[in-house]
Amino acid sequence: MAFEFLLALFMMAVGLSIAGAGTHFYQGIWKQPAMLRFDGASVLGMFGHLLMSFVCGPYIMLNLGWQQQDDGTISITSVLLAALIAFGWAFITGLLFLGIWFAVLS
């Protein structure tokens, strides 16, 4: 049982690492902040933003959880909810990329 738990943690770590690297890569290349969105000037741009939102979503969600309220405080509820969503999403992203990695190498 400990092996399965560590494997799930490894998948979340891979997913979060890919999300963080993808977010910084996107922001460095296109010089605009990465946001969860699906708009675009064309259909290709829309699918590009949708793909970026899926891959970079866990990292963006973690950053959204740390936004300040109007009075300058941070809501613990939004931090915990964003972390729960982000780490679950990072598990799915890590599972997808590790599956692709092992499918290509096998």
Protein backbone atom coordinates (compact mmCIF):
# COMPACT_ATOMS: atom_id res chain seq x y z
CA MET A 1 0.00 0.00 0.00
CA ALA A 2 2.90 2.35 0.66
CA PHE A 3 4.18 1.74 -2.87
CA GLU A 4 0.88 2.84 -4.39
CA PHE A 5 0.82 5.95 -2.24
CA LEU A 6 4.37 6.89 -3.23
CA LEU A 7 3.54 6.22 -6.87
CA ALA A 8 0.56 8.59 -6.64
CA LEU A 9 2.78 11.24 -5.01
CA PHE A 10 5.34 10.75 -7.79
CA MET A 11 2.63 11.23 -10.42
CA MET A 12 1.48 14.43 -8.72
CA ALA A 13 5.07 15.68 -8.56
CA VAL A 14 5.59 14.98 -12.26
CA GLY A 15 2.30 16.68 -13.16
CA LEU A 16 3.07 19.74 -11.05
CA SER A 17 6.60 19.97 -12.44
CA ILE A 18 5.35 19.83 -16.01
CA ALA A 19 2.65 22.41 -15.19
CA GLY A 20 5.17 24.81 -13.66
CA ALA A 21 7.67 24.40 -16.47
CA GLY A 22 4.94 24.76 -19.08
CA THR A 23 3.59 27.90 -17.42
CA HIS A 24 6.98 29.61 -17.33
CA PHE A 25 7.72 28.47 -20.89
CA TYR A 26 4.39 29.88 -22.12
CA GLN A 27 4.90 33.18 -20.32
CA GLY A 28 8.46 33.48 -21.61
CA ILE A 29 7.62 32.75 -25.24
CA TRP A 30 4.32 34.60 -25.68
CA LYS A 31 4.99 37.41 -23.15
CA GLN A 32 1.56 37.20 -21.54
CA PRO A 33 0.40 35.68 -18.27
CA ALA A 34 -0.89 32.12 -18.39
CA MET A 35 -4.56 31.99 -17.44
CA LEU A 36 -7.31 29.40 -17.55
CA ARG A 37 -9.04 30.35 -20.79
CA PHE A 38 -10.38 29.01 -24.04
CA ASP A 39 -10.66 32.12 -26.18
CA GLY A 40 -8.60 32.81 -29.27
CA ALA A 41 -8.45 34.77 -32.50
CA SER A 42 -8.94 31.56 -34.50
CA VAL A 43 -9.93 27.95 -33.88
CA LEU A 44 -6.25 26.98 -33.73
CA GLY A 45 -5.60 29.70 -31.14
CA MET A 46 -8.60 28.52 -29.11
CA PHE A 47 -7.31 24.93 -29.05
CA GLY A 48 -3.83 26.21 -28.16
CA HIS A 49 -5.19 28.11 -25.16
CA LEU A 50 -7.27 25.10 -24.18
CA LEU A 51 -4.20 22.82 -24.31
CA MET A 52 -2.15 25.35 -22.34
CA SER A 53 -4.91 25.61 -19.75
CA PHE A 54 -5.03 21.83 -19.36
CA VAL A 55 -1.27 21.35 -19.05
CA CYS A 56 -0.55 24.45 -16.95
CA GLY A 57 -3.77 24.30 -14.93
CA PRO A 58 -2.41 22.87 -11.66
CA TYR A 59 0.24 25.57 -11.35
CA ILE A 60 -2.24 28.31 -12.26
CA MET A 61 -4.72 26.97 -9.68
CA LEU A 62 -2.09 27.04 -6.94
CA ASN A 63 -1.34 30.67 -7.79
CA LEU A 64 -5.05 31.54 -7.80
CA GLY A 65 -5.39 30.19 -4.27
CA TRP A 66 -2.84 32.70 -2.96
CA GLN A 67 -4.68 35.82 -4.19
CA GLN A 68 -5.44 38.38 -1.52
CA GLN A 69 -8.91 39.42 -0.44
CA ASP A 70 -10.08 43.05 -0.47
CA ASP A 71 -8.79 43.63 3.06
CA GLY A 72 -5.30 42.27 2.26
CA THR A 73 -5.72 38.85 3.89
CA ILE A 74 -5.55 35.42 2.34
CA SER A 75 -8.56 33.15 2.72
CA ILE A 76 -7.62 29.72 4.06
CA THR A 77 -10.69 28.27 2.36
CA SER A 78 -9.57 29.41 -1.09
CA VAL A 79 -6.01 28.18 -0.44
CA LEU A 80 -7.19 24.71 0.61
CA LEU A 81 -9.74 24.43 -2.19
CA ALA A 82 -7.21 25.55 -4.81
CA ALA A 83 -4.63 23.10 -3.44
CA LEU A 84 -7.12 20.22 -3.50
CA ILE A 85 -8.10 20.96 -7.10
CA ALA A 86 -4.51 21.61 -8.20
CA PHE A 87 -3.04 18.40 -6.75
CA GLY A 88 -5.89 16.29 -8.14
CA TRP A 89 -5.41 17.94 -11.51
CA ALA A 90 -1.63 17.44 -11.24
CA PHE A 91 -2.23 13.72 -10.67
CA ILE A 92 -4.22 13.50 -13.91
CA THR A 93 -1.61 15.53 -15.80
CA GLY A 94 1.22 13.42 -14.39
CA LEU A 95 -0.65 10.22 -15.22
CA LEU A 96 -1.13 11.41 -18.81
CA PHE A 97 2.49 12.43 -19.35
CA LEU A 98 3.95 9.35 -17.61
CA GLY A 99 1.63 7.17 -19.69
CA ILE A 100 2.87 8.85 -22.87
CA TRP A 101 6.48 8.55 -21.66
CA PHE A 102 6.23 4.82 -20.97
CA ALA A 103 4.24 4.18 -24.15
CA VAL A 104 6.96 5.81 -26.25
CA LEU A 105 9.83 4.05 -24.45
CA SER A 106 8.28 0.57 -24.43
